[in-house]
Amino acid sequence: MNFARYNAIFYLLGKLEKGDRVIVYFMNQEHEYVVTDKLTTSSTDTSWLKDQGQGEQLVLQTCDPPGTTWRRLLVIAKPL
């Protein structure tokens, strides 16, 4: 397995800021989102996986700092 390749996928996720647009392709369909929040949490915090009652949202996650298991960087986006 090529770990370096998979570790790099979200390496630059931290560069996203509120208001940035994110495009996700799933089953040959384009889905567009706008970043609404960015936060850092502990590596064991899974509370953000629960429905917060705010409707549909996209949660992108990566390690913080990249390549470690210390914390998680979360980027939250809502559909346009």
N, C-alpha and C. Protein backbone atom coordinates (compact mmCIF):
# COMPACT_ATOMS: atom_id res chain seq x y z
N MET A 1 0.84 -1.18 0.00
CA MET A 1 0.00 0.00 0.00
C MET A 1 0.89 1.25 0.00
N ASN A 2 0.47 2.28 -0.69
CA ASN A 2 1.23 3.51 -0.80
C ASN A 2 0.72 4.53 0.22
N PHE A 3 1.24 4.46 1.46
CA PHE A 3 0.75 5.32 2.54
C PHE A 3 1.00 6.79 2.26
N ALA A 4 2.12 7.12 1.66
CA ALA A 4 2.42 8.52 1.36
C ALA A 4 1.35 9.12 0.46
N ARG A 5 0.89 8.37 -0.49
CA ARG A 5 -0.15 8.85 -1.40
C ARG A 5 -1.44 9.14 -0.65
N TYR A 6 -1.85 8.24 0.23
CA TYR A 6 -3.12 8.42 0.94
C TYR A 6 -3.00 9.46 2.06
N ASN A 7 -1.85 9.60 2.66
CA ASN A 7 -1.65 10.61 3.69
C ASN A 7 -1.71 12.02 3.12
N ALA A 8 -1.46 12.18 1.84
CA ALA A 8 -1.40 13.50 1.22
C ALA A 8 -2.75 14.01 0.74
N ILE A 9 -3.76 13.18 0.73
CA ILE A 9 -5.04 13.57 0.14
C ILE A 9 -5.61 14.84 0.78
N PHE A 10 -5.65 14.92 2.09
CA PHE A 10 -6.21 16.09 2.77
C PHE A 10 -5.13 16.90 3.46
N TYR A 11 -3.91 16.78 3.02
CA TYR A 11 -2.77 17.45 3.63
C TYR A 11 -2.96 18.97 3.70
N LEU A 12 -3.56 19.56 2.67
CA LEU A 12 -3.74 21.01 2.60
C LEU A 12 -5.13 21.46 3.03
N LEU A 13 -5.89 20.59 3.65
CA LEU A 13 -7.24 20.93 4.07
C LEU A 13 -7.28 22.17 4.96
N GLY A 14 -6.26 22.37 5.76
CA GLY A 14 -6.20 23.52 6.66
C GLY A 14 -6.14 24.86 5.95
N LYS A 15 -5.87 24.86 4.67
CA LYS A 15 -5.84 26.11 3.91
C LYS A 15 -7.24 26.62 3.57
N LEU A 16 -8.25 25.77 3.70
CA LEU A 16 -9.62 26.21 3.44
C LEU A 16 -10.05 27.20 4.51
N GLU A 17 -10.84 28.20 4.12
CA GLU A 17 -11.35 29.22 5.04
C GLU A 17 -12.85 29.36 4.86
N LYS A 18 -13.51 29.98 5.83
CA LYS A 18 -14.94 30.24 5.74
C LYS A 18 -15.24 30.98 4.44
N GLY A 19 -16.28 30.52 3.76
CA GLY A 19 -16.67 31.13 2.49
C GLY A 19 -16.09 30.42 1.27
N ASP A 20 -15.06 29.60 1.45
CA ASP A 20 -14.49 28.86 0.33
C ASP A 20 -15.50 27.81 -0.14
N ARG A 21 -15.44 27.52 -1.42
CA ARG A 21 -16.33 26.50 -1.99
C ARG A 21 -15.58 25.18 -2.12
N VAL A 22 -16.33 24.10 -1.90
CA VAL A 22 -15.81 22.74 -2.00
C VAL A 22 -16.70 21.98 -2.96
N ILE A 23 -16.10 21.31 -3.92
CA ILE A 23 -16.87 20.51 -4.87
C ILE A 23 -16.52 19.05 -4.64
N VAL A 24 -17.56 18.23 -4.45
CA VAL A 24 -17.40 16.79 -4.23
C VAL A 24 -18.09 16.07 -5.38
N TYR A 25 -17.42 15.11 -5.96
CA TYR A 25 -18.02 14.28 -7.01
C TYR A 25 -18.36 12.93 -6.40
N PHE A 26 -19.63 12.54 -6.53
CA PHE A 26 -20.10 11.26 -6.00
C PHE A 26 -21.09 10.66 -6.97
N MET A 27 -20.82 9.46 -7.41
CA MET A 27 -21.68 8.74 -8.36
C MET A 27 -21.98 9.60 -9.60
N ASN A 28 -20.91 10.17 -10.15
CA ASN A 28 -20.99 10.99 -11.37
C ASN A 28 -21.84 12.24 -11.21
N GLN A 29 -22.04 12.70 -9.98
CA GLN A 29 -22.77 13.94 -9.74
C GLN A 29 -21.88 14.90 -8.97
N GLU A 30 -21.99 16.17 -9.33
CA GLU A 30 -21.23 17.21 -8.65
C GLU A 30 -22.08 17.81 -7.54
N HIS A 31 -21.48 17.92 -6.36
CA HIS A 31 -22.15 18.51 -5.19
C HIS A 31 -21.29 19.67 -4.71
N GLU A 32 -21.88 20.85 -4.59
CA GLU A 32 -21.11 22.03 -4.20
C GLU A 32 -21.49 22.49 -2.80
N TYR A 33 -20.48 22.81 -2.02
CA TYR A 33 -20.65 23.23 -0.62
C TYR A 33 -19.87 24.51 -0.38
N VAL A 34 -20.23 25.21 0.69
CA VAL A 34 -19.48 26.38 1.13
C VAL A 34 -19.03 26.14 2.57
N VAL A 35 -17.76 26.44 2.84
CA VAL A 35 -17.20 26.23 4.17
C VAL A 35 -17.83 27.22 5.15
N THR A 36 -18.35 26.70 6.26
CA THR A 36 -18.99 27.53 7.27
C THR A 36 -18.21 27.57 8.57
N ASP A 37 -17.34 26.59 8.79
CA ASP A 37 -16.60 26.55 10.05
C ASP A 37 -15.36 25.68 9.88
N LYS A 38 -14.39 25.95 10.72
CA LYS A 38 -13.15 25.17 10.75
C LYS A 38 -12.73 25.10 12.21
N LEU A 39 -12.45 23.89 12.71
CA LEU A 39 -12.08 23.76 14.11
C LEU A 39 -11.10 22.62 14.30
N THR A 40 -10.41 22.68 15.42
CA THR A 40 -9.48 21.62 15.81
C THR A 40 -10.03 20.97 17.06
N THR A 41 -9.99 19.65 17.10
CA THR A 41 -10.51 18.89 18.23
C THR A 41 -9.53 17.78 18.60
N SER A 42 -9.79 17.12 19.71
CA SER A 42 -8.91 16.02 20.10
C SER A 42 -9.06 14.86 19.13
N SER A 43 -8.08 13.99 19.12
CA SER A 43 -8.11 12.85 18.20
C SER A 43 -9.18 11.84 18.58
N THR A 44 -9.70 11.91 19.79
CA THR A 44 -10.72 10.96 20.25
C THR A 44 -12.14 11.53 20.25
N ASP A 45 -12.28 12.82 19.91
CA ASP A 45 -13.59 13.47 19.93
C ASP A 45 -14.41 13.05 18.71
N THR A 46 -15.52 12.37 18.96
CA THR A 46 -16.41 11.97 17.86
C THR A 46 -17.76 12.67 17.95
N SER A 47 -17.90 13.64 18.83
CA SER A 47 -19.19 14.31 19.02
C SER A 47 -19.69 14.98 17.75
N TRP A 48 -18.79 15.43 16.91
CA TRP A 48 -19.18 16.11 15.68
C TRP A 48 -19.81 15.16 14.66
N LEU A 49 -19.73 13.84 14.91
CA LEU A 49 -20.36 12.87 14.01
C LEU A 49 -21.87 12.78 14.24
N LYS A 50 -22.32 13.24 15.39
CA LYS A 50 -23.74 13.19 15.72
C LYS A 50 -24.49 14.33 15.04
N ASP A 51 -25.73 14.08 14.71
CA ASP A 51 -26.57 15.11 14.10
C ASP A 51 -26.73 16.27 15.07
N GLN A 52 -26.32 17.45 14.63
CA GLN A 52 -26.41 18.65 15.45
C GLN A 52 -27.72 19.40 15.22
N GLY A 53 -28.59 18.84 14.40
CA GLY A 53 -29.87 19.47 14.11
C GLY A 53 -29.76 20.69 13.22
N GLN A 54 -28.67 20.79 12.47
CA GLN A 54 -28.45 21.95 11.61
C GLN A 54 -28.64 21.63 10.13
N GLY A 55 -29.24 20.48 9.84
CA GLY A 55 -29.46 20.10 8.46
C GLY A 55 -28.22 19.45 7.84
N GLU A 56 -28.27 19.26 6.54
CA GLU A 56 -27.17 18.59 5.84
C GLU A 56 -25.88 19.38 5.95
N GLN A 57 -24.80 18.69 6.20
CA GLN A 57 -23.49 19.32 6.19
C GLN A 57 -22.43 18.29 5.79
N LEU A 58 -21.35 18.81 5.26
CA LEU A 58 -20.20 18.00 4.88
C LEU A 58 -19.12 18.24 5.93
N VAL A 59 -18.55 17.17 6.48
CA VAL A 59 -17.48 17.28 7.46
C VAL A 59 -16.24 16.63 6.86
N LEU A 60 -15.21 17.43 6.62
CA LEU A 60 -13.94 16.93 6.12
C LEU A 60 -12.97 16.90 7.29
N GLN A 61 -12.20 15.84 7.40
CA GLN A 61 -11.32 15.65 8.55
C GLN A 61 -9.91 15.30 8.10
N THR A 62 -8.94 15.82 8.83
CA THR A 62 -7.55 15.44 8.60
C THR A 62 -6.80 15.52 9.92
N CYS A 63 -5.58 15.05 9.93
CA CYS A 63 -4.74 15.10 11.13
C CYS A 63 -4.20 16.51 11.32
N ASP A 64 -3.98 16.88 12.59
CA ASP A 64 -3.42 18.19 12.90
C ASP A 64 -2.40 18.05 14.01
N PRO A 65 -1.16 18.40 13.77
CA PRO A 65 -0.59 18.77 12.47
C PRO A 65 -0.54 17.57 11.53
N PRO A 66 -0.47 17.86 10.22
CA PRO A 66 -0.49 16.78 9.23
C PRO A 66 0.56 15.71 9.53
N GLY A 67 0.15 14.46 9.37
CA GLY A 67 1.05 13.34 9.57
C GLY A 67 1.15 12.85 11.00
N THR A 68 0.37 13.46 11.92
CA THR A 68 0.39 13.04 13.33
C THR A 68 -0.97 12.49 13.73
N THR A 69 -1.08 12.02 14.95
CA THR A 69 -2.37 11.57 15.48
C THR A 69 -2.77 12.40 16.69
N TRP A 70 -2.15 13.57 16.86
CA TRP A 70 -2.38 14.40 18.05
C TRP A 70 -3.78 14.99 18.11
N ARG A 71 -4.21 15.64 17.04
CA ARG A 71 -5.50 16.32 16.99
C ARG A 71 -6.15 16.08 15.63
N ARG A 72 -7.40 16.52 15.50
CA ARG A 72 -8.11 16.45 14.24
C ARG A 72 -8.53 17.86 13.82
N LEU A 73 -8.31 18.17 12.57
CA LEU A 73 -8.80 19.41 11.98
C LEU A 73 -10.07 19.07 11.23
N LEU A 74 -11.14 19.79 11.54
CA LEU A 74 -12.43 19.57 10.89
C LEU A 74 -12.81 20.80 10.08
N VAL A 75 -13.26 20.58 8.87
CA VAL A 75 -13.79 21.65 8.03
C VAL A 75 -15.25 21.30 7.79
N ILE A 76 -16.15 22.20 8.19
CA ILE A 76 -17.58 21.99 8.07
C ILE A 76 -18.10 22.83 6.91
N ALA A 77 -18.92 22.23 6.05
CA ALA A 77 -19.46 22.95 4.90
C ALA A 77 -20.94 22.60 4.73
N LYS A 78 -21.68 23.56 4.20
CA LYS A 78 -23.11 23.36 3.93
C LYS A 78 -23.33 23.38 2.42
N PRO A 79 -24.35 22.66 1.95
CA PRO A 79 -24.61 22.65 0.51
C PRO A 79 -25.07 24.02 0.01
N LEU A 80 -24.68 24.33 -1.22
CA LEU A 80 -25.15 25.58 -1.85
C LEU A 80 -26.48 25.34 -2.52
